[in-house]
Amino acid sequence: MPTYDYECQKCGTRFEVVQSMNDAKLEHCPQQPCGGQVKRLLGTGAGIIFKGSGFYQTDYRSSSYQASAKSDTGAAPKECAPKTDTAPAASPAPAPAKAAE
């Protein structure tokens, strides 16, 4: 059910009321000493809450697609090829020769 915002014309109190779309608008402020006229404010009117399954693209996929997706997740991940450098490696400097004693 939608949530409507109201404002009292007398005391300025703003409040929200959950009402059916078929319910009559409120006319009087719920504050006991006030009781002034209220005005329904323009706004979004209804807050939509998504609960449960069925709100994602994959929830409506065909059963054959879901079966193949399950088999793909059970497969071992593909191994990556080792990274190869395209630049030639620098040759190490020759080791200094030891003098014979």
PDB file of N, CA and C in Angstrom:
ATOM      1  N   MET A   1       0.837  -1.180   0.000  1.00  0.00           N
ATOM      2  CA  MET A   1       0.000   0.000   0.000  1.00  0.00           C
ATOM      3  C   MET A   1       0.886   1.249   0.000  1.00  0.00           C
ATOM      4  N   PRO A   2       0.424   2.288  -0.656  1.00  0.00           N
ATOM      5  CA  PRO A   2       1.216   3.519  -0.756  1.00  0.00           C
ATOM      6  C   PRO A   2       1.286   4.291   0.557  1.00  0.00           C
ATOM      7  N   THR A   3       2.334   5.073   0.670  1.00  0.00           N
ATOM      8  CA  THR A   3       2.518   5.972   1.805  1.00  0.00           C
ATOM      9  C   THR A   3       2.296   7.391   1.305  1.00  0.00           C
ATOM     10  N   TYR A   4       1.378   8.119   1.935  1.00  0.00           N
ATOM     11  CA  TYR A   4       1.078   9.484   1.536  1.00  0.00           C
ATOM     12  C   TYR A   4       1.578  10.454   2.586  1.00  0.00           C
ATOM     13  N   ASP A   5       2.067  11.611   2.125  1.00  0.00           N
ATOM     14  CA  ASP A   5       2.514  12.678   3.015  1.00  0.00           C
ATOM     15  C   ASP A   5       1.402  13.713   3.141  1.00  0.00           C
ATOM     16  N   TYR A   6       1.198  14.166   4.369  1.00  0.00           N
ATOM     17  CA  TYR A   6       0.203  15.200   4.655  1.00  0.00           C
ATOM     18  C   TYR A   6       0.861  16.324   5.437  1.00  0.00           C
ATOM     19  N   GLU A   7       0.274  17.528   5.338  1.00  0.00           N
ATOM     20  CA  GLU A   7       0.726  18.660   6.126  1.00  0.00           C
ATOM     21  C   GLU A   7      -0.502  19.396   6.666  1.00  0.00           C
ATOM     22  N   CYS A   8      -0.449  19.713   7.965  1.00  0.00           N
ATOM     23  CA  CYS A   8      -1.536  20.449   8.598  1.00  0.00           C
ATOM     24  C   CYS A   8      -1.437  21.917   8.216  1.00  0.00           C
ATOM     25  N   GLN A   9      -2.552  22.511   7.808  1.00  0.00           N
ATOM     26  CA  GLN A   9      -2.580  23.909   7.416  1.00  0.00           C
ATOM     27  C   GLN A   9      -2.545  24.838   8.628  1.00  0.00           C
ATOM     28  N   LYS A  10      -2.912  24.305   9.792  1.00  0.00           N
ATOM     29  CA  LYS A  10      -2.979  25.129  10.993  1.00  0.00           C
ATOM     30  C   LYS A  10      -1.661  25.123  11.775  1.00  0.00           C
ATOM     31  N   CYS A  11      -1.143  23.926  12.101  1.00  0.00           N
ATOM     32  CA  CYS A  11       0.063  23.842  12.933  1.00  0.00           C
ATOM     33  C   CYS A  11       1.331  23.532  12.144  1.00  0.00           C
ATOM     34  N   GLY A  12       1.217  23.163  10.876  1.00  0.00           N
ATOM     35  CA  GLY A  12       2.385  22.905  10.041  1.00  0.00           C
ATOM     36  C   GLY A  12       3.005  21.522  10.227  1.00  0.00           C
ATOM     37  N   THR A  13       2.375  20.650  10.990  1.00  0.00           N
ATOM     38  CA  THR A  13       2.888  19.306  11.219  1.00  0.00           C
ATOM     39  C   THR A  13       2.833  18.505   9.926  1.00  0.00           C
ATOM     40  N   ARG A  14       3.937  17.824   9.627  1.00  0.00           N
ATOM     41  CA  ARG A  14       3.977  16.922   8.472  1.00  0.00           C
ATOM     42  C   ARG A  14       4.004  15.494   8.984  1.00  0.00           C
ATOM     43  N   PHE A  15       3.269  14.610   8.322  1.00  0.00           N
ATOM     44  CA  PHE A  15       3.234  13.210   8.725  1.00  0.00           C
ATOM     45  C   PHE A  15       2.916  12.342   7.522  1.00  0.00           C
ATOM     46  N   GLU A  16       3.213  11.055   7.689  1.00  0.00           N
ATOM     47  CA  GLU A  16       2.964  10.068   6.636  1.00  0.00           C
ATOM     48  C   GLU A  16       1.885   9.109   7.089  1.00  0.00           C
ATOM     49  N   VAL A  17       1.079   8.663   6.137  1.00  0.00           N
ATOM     50  CA  VAL A  17       0.022   7.697   6.428  1.00  0.00           C
ATOM     51  C   VAL A  17       0.051   6.635   5.336  1.00  0.00           C
ATOM     52  N   VAL A  18       0.010   5.369   5.749  1.00  0.00           N
ATOM     53  CA  VAL A  18      -0.086   4.265   4.797  1.00  0.00           C
ATOM     54  C   VAL A  18      -1.565   4.038   4.531  1.00  0.00           C
ATOM     55  N   GLN A  19      -1.970   4.248   3.284  1.00  0.00           N
ATOM     56  CA  GLN A  19      -3.377   4.124   2.906  1.00  0.00           C
ATOM     57  C   GLN A  19      -3.502   3.381   1.588  1.00  0.00           C
ATOM     58  N   SER A  20      -4.638   2.761   1.404  1.00  0.00           N
ATOM     59  CA  SER A  20      -4.954   2.169   0.121  1.00  0.00           C
ATOM     60  C   SER A  20      -5.251   3.297  -0.858  1.00  0.00           C
ATOM     61  N   MET A  21      -5.104   3.041  -2.135  1.00  0.00           N
ATOM     62  CA  MET A  21      -5.410   4.064  -3.131  1.00  0.00           C
ATOM     63  C   MET A  21      -6.901   4.397  -3.136  1.00  0.00           C
ATOM     64  N   ASN A  22      -7.703   3.481  -2.659  1.00  0.00           N
ATOM     65  CA  ASN A  22      -9.152   3.685  -2.649  1.00  0.00           C
ATOM     66  C   ASN A  22      -9.635   4.407  -1.397  1.00  0.00           C
ATOM     67  N   ASP A  23      -8.787   4.544  -0.366  1.00  0.00           N
ATOM     68  CA  ASP A  23      -9.196   5.227   0.858  1.00  0.00           C
ATOM     69  C   ASP A  23      -9.363   6.722   0.604  1.00  0.00           C
ATOM     70  N   ALA A  24     -10.274   7.309   1.375  1.00  0.00           N
ATOM     71  CA  ALA A  24     -10.504   8.756   1.271  1.00  0.00           C
ATOM     72  C   ALA A  24      -9.317   9.505   1.875  1.00  0.00           C
ATOM     73  N   LYS A  25      -9.065  10.721   1.388  1.00  0.00           N
ATOM     74  CA  LYS A  25      -7.994  11.555   1.924  1.00  0.00           C
ATOM     75  C   LYS A  25      -8.337  11.944   3.361  1.00  0.00           C
ATOM     76  N   LEU A  26      -7.286  12.104   4.167  1.00  0.00           N
ATOM     77  CA  LEU A  26      -7.505  12.595   5.522  1.00  0.00           C
ATOM     78  C   LEU A  26      -7.903  14.063   5.455  1.00  0.00           C
ATOM     79  N   GLU A  27      -8.727  14.483   6.425  1.00  0.00           N
ATOM     80  CA  GLU A  27      -9.185  15.872   6.426  1.00  0.00           C
ATOM     81  C   GLU A  27      -8.727  16.642   7.654  1.00  0.00           C
ATOM     82  N   HIS A  28      -8.449  15.927   8.762  1.00  0.00           N
ATOM     83  CA  HIS A  28      -8.126  16.606  10.012  1.00  0.00           C
ATOM     84  C   HIS A  28      -6.777  16.148  10.548  1.00  0.00           C
ATOM     85  N   CYS A  29      -6.082  17.079  11.211  1.00  0.00           N
ATOM     86  CA  CYS A  29      -4.765  16.814  11.789  1.00  0.00           C
ATOM     87  C   CYS A  29      -4.893  15.806  12.931  1.00  0.00           C
ATOM     88  N   PRO A  30      -3.978  14.811  12.996  1.00  0.00           N
ATOM     89  CA  PRO A  30      -4.068  13.810  14.060  1.00  0.00           C
ATOM     90  C   PRO A  30      -3.601  14.333  15.425  1.00  0.00           C
ATOM     91  N   GLN A  31      -2.949  15.509  15.480  1.00  0.00           N
ATOM     92  CA  GLN A  31      -2.537  16.088  16.754  1.00  0.00           C
ATOM     93  C   GLN A  31      -3.796  16.496  17.511  1.00  0.00           C
ATOM     94  N   GLN A  32      -3.945  16.012  18.736  1.00  0.00           N
ATOM     95  CA  GLN A  32      -5.172  16.214  19.509  1.00  0.00           C
ATOM     96  C   GLN A  32      -5.559  17.676  19.729  1.00  0.00           C
ATOM     97  N   PRO A  33      -4.668  18.529  20.177  1.00  0.00           N
ATOM     98  CA  PRO A  33      -5.146  19.889  20.425  1.00  0.00           C
ATOM     99  C   PRO A  33      -5.394  20.675  19.132  1.00  0.00           C
ATOM    100  N   CYS A  34      -4.783  20.267  18.018  1.00  0.00           N
ATOM    101  CA  CYS A  34      -4.876  21.035  16.772  1.00  0.00           C
ATOM    102  C   CYS A  34      -6.182  20.751  16.034  1.00  0.00           C
ATOM    103  N   GLY A  35      -6.261  19.594  15.391  1.00  0.00           N
ATOM    104  CA  GLY A  35      -7.461  19.216  14.643  1.00  0.00           C
ATOM    105  C   GLY A  35      -7.688  20.054  13.396  1.00  0.00           C
ATOM    106  N   GLY A  36      -6.659  20.752  12.906  1.00  0.00           N
ATOM    107  CA  GLY A  36      -6.800  21.599  11.721  1.00  0.00           C
ATOM    108  C   GLY A  36      -6.945  20.800  10.441  1.00  0.00           C
ATOM    109  N   GLN A  37      -7.205  21.509   9.365  1.00  0.00           N
ATOM    110  CA  GLN A  37      -7.356  20.886   8.052  1.00  0.00           C
ATOM    111  C   GLN A  37      -5.982  20.429   7.552  1.00  0.00           C
ATOM    112  N   VAL A  38      -5.928  19.265   6.906  1.00  0.00           N
ATOM    113  CA  VAL A  38      -4.684  18.761   6.345  1.00  0.00           C
ATOM    114  C   VAL A  38      -4.762  18.738   4.826  1.00  0.00           C
ATOM    115  N   LYS A  39      -3.602  18.818   4.220  1.00  0.00           N
ATOM    116  CA  LYS A  39      -3.496  18.811   2.765  1.00  0.00           C
ATOM    117  C   LYS A  39      -2.547  17.690   2.369  1.00  0.00           C
ATOM    118  N   ARG A  40      -2.952  16.883   1.406  1.00  0.00           N
ATOM    119  CA  ARG A  40      -2.069  15.821   0.914  1.00  0.00           C
ATOM    120  C   ARG A  40      -1.029  16.465   0.014  1.00  0.00           C
ATOM    121  N   LEU A  41       0.230  16.140   0.270  1.00  0.00           N
ATOM    122  CA  LEU A  41       1.326  16.712  -0.495  1.00  0.00           C
ATOM    123  C   LEU A  41       1.613  15.874  -1.729  1.00  0.00           C
ATOM    124  N   LEU A  42       2.079  16.529  -2.760  1.00  0.00           N
ATOM    125  CA  LEU A  42       2.488  15.805  -3.956  1.00  0.00           C
ATOM    126  C   LEU A  42       3.826  15.156  -3.682  1.00  0.00           C
ATOM    127  N   GLY A  43       4.000  13.977  -4.164  1.00  0.00           N
ATOM    128  CA  GLY A  43       5.259  13.271  -3.951  1.00  0.00           C
ATOM    129  C   GLY A  43       5.243  11.986  -4.720  1.00  0.00           C
ATOM    130  N   THR A  44       6.097  11.092  -4.283  1.00  0.00           N
ATOM    131  CA  THR A  44       6.190   9.807  -4.971  1.00  0.00           C
ATOM    132  C   THR A  44       4.957   8.960  -4.738  1.00  0.00           C
ATOM    133  N   GLY A  45       4.276   9.152  -3.634  1.00  0.00           N
ATOM    134  CA  GLY A  45       3.030   8.439  -3.379  1.00  0.00           C
ATOM    135  C   GLY A  45       3.237   7.047  -2.845  1.00  0.00           C
ATOM    136  N   ALA A  46       3.933   6.226  -3.564  1.00  0.00           N
ATOM    137  CA  ALA A  46       4.079   4.835  -3.147  1.00  0.00           C
ATOM    138  C   ALA A  46       5.547   4.442  -3.108  1.00  0.00           C
ATOM    139  N   GLY A  47       5.918   3.783  -2.049  1.00  0.00           N
ATOM    140  CA  GLY A  47       7.255   3.226  -1.959  1.00  0.00           C
ATOM    141  C   GLY A  47       7.191   1.756  -2.309  1.00  0.00           C
ATOM    142  N   ILE A  48       7.953   1.356  -3.291  1.00  0.00           N
ATOM    143  CA  ILE A  48       7.928  -0.043  -3.728  1.00  0.00           C
ATOM    144  C   ILE A  48       9.055  -0.784  -3.023  1.00  0.00           C
ATOM    145  N   ILE A  49       8.714  -1.900  -2.432  1.00  0.00           N
ATOM    146  CA  ILE A  49       9.705  -2.728  -1.754  1.00  0.00           C
ATOM    147  C   ILE A  49       9.778  -4.054  -2.501  1.00  0.00           C
ATOM    148  N   PHE A  50      10.976  -4.400  -2.964  1.00  0.00           N
ATOM    149  CA  PHE A  50      11.176  -5.650  -3.681  1.00  0.00           C
ATOM    150  C   PHE A  50      11.617  -6.720  -2.690  1.00  0.00           C
ATOM    151  N   LYS A  51      10.765  -7.703  -2.480  1.00  0.00           N
ATOM    152  CA  LYS A  51      11.092  -8.799  -1.574  1.00  0.00           C
ATOM    153  C   LYS A  51      10.972 -10.115  -2.334  1.00  0.00           C
ATOM    154  N   GLY A  52      11.801 -11.061  -1.971  1.00  0.00           N
ATOM    155  CA  GLY A  52      11.705 -12.392  -2.548  1.00  0.00           C
ATOM    156  C   GLY A  52      12.436 -12.507  -3.866  1.00  0.00           C
ATOM    157  N   SER A  53      12.240 -13.635  -4.542  1.00  0.00           N
ATOM    158  CA  SER A  53      12.916 -13.856  -5.816  1.00  0.00           C
ATOM    159  C   SER A  53      12.063 -13.299  -6.944  1.00  0.00           C
ATOM    160  N   GLY A  54      12.663 -13.192  -8.110  1.00  0.00           N
ATOM    161  CA  GLY A  54      11.921 -12.743  -9.271  1.00  0.00           C
ATOM    162  C   GLY A  54      12.246 -11.329  -9.691  1.00  0.00           C
ATOM    163  N   PHE A  55      13.243 -10.692  -9.079  1.00  0.00           N
ATOM    164  CA  PHE A  55      13.542  -9.312  -9.409  1.00  0.00           C
ATOM    165  C   PHE A  55      14.855  -9.154 -10.161  1.00  0.00           C
ATOM    166  N   TYR A  56      15.448 -10.249 -10.539  1.00  0.00           N
ATOM    167  CA  TYR A  56      16.711 -10.182 -11.248  1.00  0.00           C
ATOM    168  C   TYR A  56      16.540 -10.837 -12.608  1.00  0.00           C
ATOM    169  N   GLN A  57      17.339 -10.402 -13.560  1.00  0.00           N
ATOM    170  CA  GLN A  57      17.240 -10.897 -14.929  1.00  0.00           C
ATOM    171  C   GLN A  57      17.405 -12.408 -14.986  1.00  0.00           C
ATOM    172  N   THR A  58      18.292 -12.946 -14.177  1.00  0.00           N
ATOM    173  CA  THR A  58      18.562 -14.380 -14.244  1.00  0.00           C
ATOM    174  C   THR A  58      17.441 -15.214 -13.635  1.00  0.00           C
ATOM    175  N   ASP A  59      16.532 -14.608 -12.877  1.00  0.00           N
ATOM    176  CA  ASP A  59      15.430 -15.372 -12.297  1.00  0.00           C
ATOM    177  C   ASP A  59      14.442 -15.855 -13.347  1.00  0.00           C
ATOM    178  N   TYR A  60      14.389 -15.194 -14.500  1.00  0.00           N
ATOM    179  CA  TYR A  60      13.409 -15.549 -15.517  1.00  0.00           C
ATOM    180  C   TYR A  60      14.025 -16.310 -16.686  1.00  0.00           C
ATOM    181  N   ARG A  61      15.250 -16.760 -16.551  1.00  0.00           N
ATOM    182  CA  ARG A  61      15.896 -17.482 -17.638  1.00  0.00           C
ATOM    183  C   ARG A  61      15.246 -18.854 -17.811  1.00  0.00           C
ATOM    184  N   SER A  62      15.414 -19.412 -19.014  1.00  0.00           N
ATOM    185  CA  SER A  62      14.853 -20.725 -19.296  1.00  0.00           C
ATOM    186  C   SER A  62      15.579 -21.795 -18.483  1.00  0.00           C
ATOM    187  N   SER A  63      14.942 -22.928 -18.324  1.00  0.00           N
ATOM    188  CA  SER A  63      15.534 -24.009 -17.531  1.00  0.00           C
ATOM    189  C   SER A  63      16.794 -24.554 -18.212  1.00  0.00           C
ATOM    190  N   SER A  64      16.830 -24.553 -19.545  1.00  0.00           N
ATOM    191  CA  SER A  64      18.033 -25.040 -20.238  1.00  0.00           C
ATOM    192  C   SER A  64      19.207 -24.088 -19.997  1.00  0.00           C
ATOM    193  N   TYR A  65      18.943 -22.782 -19.952  1.00  0.00           N
ATOM    194  CA  TYR A  65      20.010 -21.828 -19.667  1.00  0.00           C
ATOM    195  C   TYR A  65      20.520 -22.021 -18.234  1.00  0.00           C
ATOM    196  N   GLN A  66      19.613 -22.191 -17.285  1.00  0.00           N
ATOM    197  CA  GLN A  66      20.007 -22.383 -15.891  1.00  0.00           C
ATOM    198  C   GLN A  66      20.828 -23.658 -15.722  1.00  0.00           C
ATOM    199  N   ALA A  67      20.457 -24.732 -16.451  1.00  0.00           N
ATOM    200  CA  ALA A  67      21.199 -25.984 -16.354  1.00  0.00           C
ATOM    201  C   ALA A  67      22.614 -25.822 -16.904  1.00  0.00           C
ATOM    202  N   SER A  68      22.751 -25.120 -18.025  1.00  0.00           N
ATOM    203  CA  SER A  68      24.092 -24.936 -18.584  1.00  0.00           C
ATOM    204  C   SER A  68      24.919 -23.995 -17.708  1.00  0.00           C
ATOM    205  N   ALA A  69      24.291 -23.038 -17.061  1.00  0.00           N
ATOM    206  CA  ALA A  69      25.018 -22.134 -16.161  1.00  0.00           C
ATOM    207  C   ALA A  69      25.540 -22.905 -14.949  1.00  0.00           C
ATOM    208  N   LYS A  70      24.741 -23.835 -14.451  1.00  0.00           N
ATOM    209  CA  LYS A  70      25.187 -24.641 -13.307  1.00  0.00           C
ATOM    210  C   LYS A  70      26.354 -25.536 -13.704  1.00  0.00           C
ATOM    211  N   SER A  71      26.302 -26.106 -14.909  1.00  0.00           N
ATOM    212  CA  SER A  71      27.400 -26.974 -15.330  1.00  0.00           C
ATOM    213  C   SER A  71      28.674 -26.158 -15.567  1.00  0.00           C
ATOM    214  N   ASP A  72      28.540 -24.919 -15.997  1.00  0.00           N
ATOM    215  CA  ASP A  72      29.717 -24.064 -16.192  1.00  0.00           C
ATOM    216  C   ASP A  72      30.370 -23.713 -14.872  1.00  0.00           C
ATOM    217  N   THR A  73      29.603 -23.489 -13.846  1.00  0.00           N
ATOM    218  CA  THR A  73      30.183 -23.117 -12.551  1.00  0.00           C
ATOM    219  C   THR A  73      30.868 -24.308 -11.905  1.00  0.00           C
ATOM    220  N   GLY A  74      30.475 -25.523 -12.226  1.00  0.00           N
ATOM    221  CA  GLY A  74      31.100 -26.709 -11.651  1.00  0.00           C
ATOM    222  C   GLY A  74      32.401 -27.081 -12.331  1.00  0.00           C
ATOM    223  N   ALA A  75      32.655 -26.549 -13.527  1.00  0.00           N
ATOM    224  CA  ALA A  75      33.876 -26.881 -14.262  1.00  0.00           C
ATOM    225  C   ALA A  75      35.072 -26.192 -13.626  1.00  0.00           C
ATOM    226  N   ALA A  76      36.226 -26.803 -13.804  1.00  0.00           N
ATOM    227  CA  ALA A  76      37.465 -26.236 -13.264  1.00  0.00           C
ATOM    228  C   ALA A  76      37.797 -24.967 -14.040  1.00  0.00           C
ATOM    229  N   PRO A  77      38.366 -23.979 -13.379  1.00  0.00           N
ATOM    230  CA  PRO A  77      38.707 -22.751 -14.090  1.00  0.00           C
ATOM    231  C   PRO A  77      39.823 -23.006 -15.097  1.00  0.00           C
ATOM    232  N   LYS A  78      39.783 -22.262 -16.185  1.00  0.00           N
ATOM    233  CA  LYS A  78      40.796 -22.411 -17.223  1.00  0.00           C
ATOM    234  C   LYS A  78      42.108 -21.848 -16.711  1.00  0.00           C
ATOM    235  N   GLU A  79      43.198 -22.550 -17.067  1.00  0.00           N
ATOM    236  CA  GLU A  79      44.509 -22.072 -16.639  1.00  0.00           C
ATOM    237  C   GLU A  79      45.011 -21.048 -17.639  1.00  0.00           C
ATOM    238  N   CYS A  80      45.658 -20.037 -17.135  1.00  0.00           N
ATOM    239  CA  CYS A  80      46.218 -18.998 -17.986  1.00  0.00           C
ATOM    240  C   CYS A  80      47.597 -19.428 -18.466  1.00  0.00           C
ATOM    241  N   ALA A  81      47.933 -19.016 -19.669  1.00  0.00           N
ATOM    242  CA  ALA A  81      49.272 -19.290 -20.199  1.00  0.00           C
ATOM    243  C   ALA A  81      50.265 -18.412 -19.459  1.00  0.00           C
ATOM    244  N   PRO A  82      51.487 -18.900 -19.226  1.00  0.00           N
ATOM    245  CA  PRO A  82      52.467 -18.067 -18.530  1.00  0.00           C
ATOM    246  C   PRO A  82      52.795 -16.837 -19.357  1.00  0.00           C
ATOM    247  N   LYS A  83      53.049 -15.755 -18.671  1.00  0.00           N
ATOM    248  CA  LYS A  83      53.349 -14.499 -19.326  1.00  0.00           C
ATOM    249  C   LYS A  83      54.759 -14.560 -19.911  1.00  0.00           C
ATOM    250  N   THR A  84      54.877 -14.171 -21.157  1.00  0.00           N
ATOM    251  CA  THR A  84      56.191 -14.164 -21.799  1.00  0.00           C
ATOM    252  C   THR A  84      56.572 -12.739 -22.102  1.00  0.00           C
ATOM    253  N   ASP A  85      57.829 -12.410 -21.892  1.00  0.00           N
ATOM    254  CA  ASP A  85      58.331 -11.078 -22.205  1.00  0.00           C
ATOM    255  C   ASP A  85      58.659 -11.037 -23.689  1.00  0.00           C
ATOM    256  N   THR A  86      58.327  -9.971 -24.326  1.00  0.00           N
ATOM    257  CA  THR A  86      58.651  -9.835 -25.737  1.00  0.00           C
ATOM    258  C   THR A  86      60.017  -9.194 -25.923  1.00  0.00           C
ATOM    259  N   ALA A  87      60.483  -8.457 -24.916  1.00  0.00           N
ATOM    260  CA  ALA A  87      61.812  -7.842 -25.010  1.00  0.00           C
ATOM    261  C   ALA A  87      62.858  -8.882 -24.639  1.00  0.00           C
ATOM    262  N   PRO A  88      64.005  -8.874 -25.351  1.00  0.00           N
ATOM    263  CA  PRO A  88      65.045  -9.862 -25.021  1.00  0.00           C
ATOM    264  C   PRO A  88      65.613  -9.562 -23.638  1.00  0.00           C
ATOM    265  N   ALA A  89      65.912 -10.602 -22.904  1.00  0.00           N
ATOM    266  CA  ALA A  89      66.480 -10.444 -21.569  1.00  0.00           C
ATOM    267  C   ALA A  89      67.935 -10.033 -21.691  1.00  0.00           C
ATOM    268  N   ALA A  90      68.365  -9.163 -20.817  1.00  0.00           N
ATOM    269  CA  ALA A  90      69.769  -8.727 -20.826  1.00  0.00           C
ATOM    270  C   ALA A  90      70.633  -9.866 -20.329  1.00  0.00           C
ATOM    271  N   SER A  91      71.761 -10.084 -21.006  1.00  0.00           N
ATOM    272  CA  SER A  91      72.630 -11.179 -20.576  1.00  0.00           C
ATOM    273  C   SER A  91      73.370 -10.731 -19.325  1.00  0.00           C
ATOM    274  N   PRO A  92      73.534 -11.633 -18.385  1.00  0.00           N
ATOM    275  CA  PRO A  92      74.219 -11.247 -17.138  1.00  0.00           C
ATOM    276  C   PRO A  92      75.691 -10.917 -17.420  1.00  0.00           C
ATOM    277  N   ALA A  93      76.233 -10.043 -16.632  1.00  0.00           N
ATOM    278  CA  ALA A  93      77.636  -9.671 -16.786  1.00  0.00           C
ATOM    279  C   ALA A  93      78.506 -10.860 -16.402  1.00  0.00           C
ATOM    280  N   PRO A  94      79.607 -11.059 -17.101  1.00  0.00           N
ATOM    281  CA  PRO A  94      80.447 -12.218 -16.782  1.00  0.00           C
ATOM    282  C   PRO A  94      81.047 -12.037 -15.385  1.00  0.00           C
ATOM    283  N   ALA A  95      81.192 -13.126 -14.692  1.00  0.00           N
ATOM    284  CA  ALA A  95      81.767 -13.096 -13.345  1.00  0.00           C
ATOM    285  C   ALA A  95      83.267 -12.789 -13.440  1.00  0.00           C
ATOM    286  N   PRO A  96      83.796 -11.986 -12.536  1.00  0.00           N
ATOM    287  CA  PRO A  96      85.228 -11.685 -12.594  1.00  0.00           C
ATOM    288  C   PRO A  96      86.029 -12.949 -12.372  1.00  0.00           C
ATOM    289  N   ALA A  97      87.088 -13.059 -13.117  1.00  0.00           N
ATOM    290  CA  ALA A  97      87.939 -14.250 -13.016  1.00  0.00           C
ATOM    291  C   ALA A  97      88.810 -14.152 -11.773  1.00  0.00           C
ATOM    292  N   LYS A  98      88.968 -15.266 -11.089  1.00  0.00           N
ATOM    293  CA  LYS A  98      89.810 -15.282  -9.895  1.00  0.00           C
ATOM    294  C   LYS A  98      91.257 -15.495 -10.323  1.00  0.00           C
ATOM    295  N   ALA A  99      92.107 -14.755  -9.713  1.00  0.00           N
ATOM    296  CA  ALA A  99      93.530 -14.904 -10.028  1.00  0.00           C
ATOM    297  C   ALA A  99      94.042 -16.175  -9.375  1.00  0.00           C
ATOM    298  N   ALA A 100      94.902 -16.891 -10.069  1.00  0.00           N
ATOM    299  CA  ALA A 100      95.462 -18.110  -9.507  1.00  0.00           C
ATOM    300  C   ALA A 100      96.504 -17.745  -8.480  1.00  0.00           C
ATOM    301  N   GLU A 101      96.524 -18.321  -7.387  1.00  0.00           N
ATOM    302  CA  GLU A 101      97.484 -18.016  -6.332  1.00  0.00           C
ATOM    303  C   GLU A 101      98.641 -18.915  -6.363  1.00  0.00           C
TER     304      GLU A 101
END
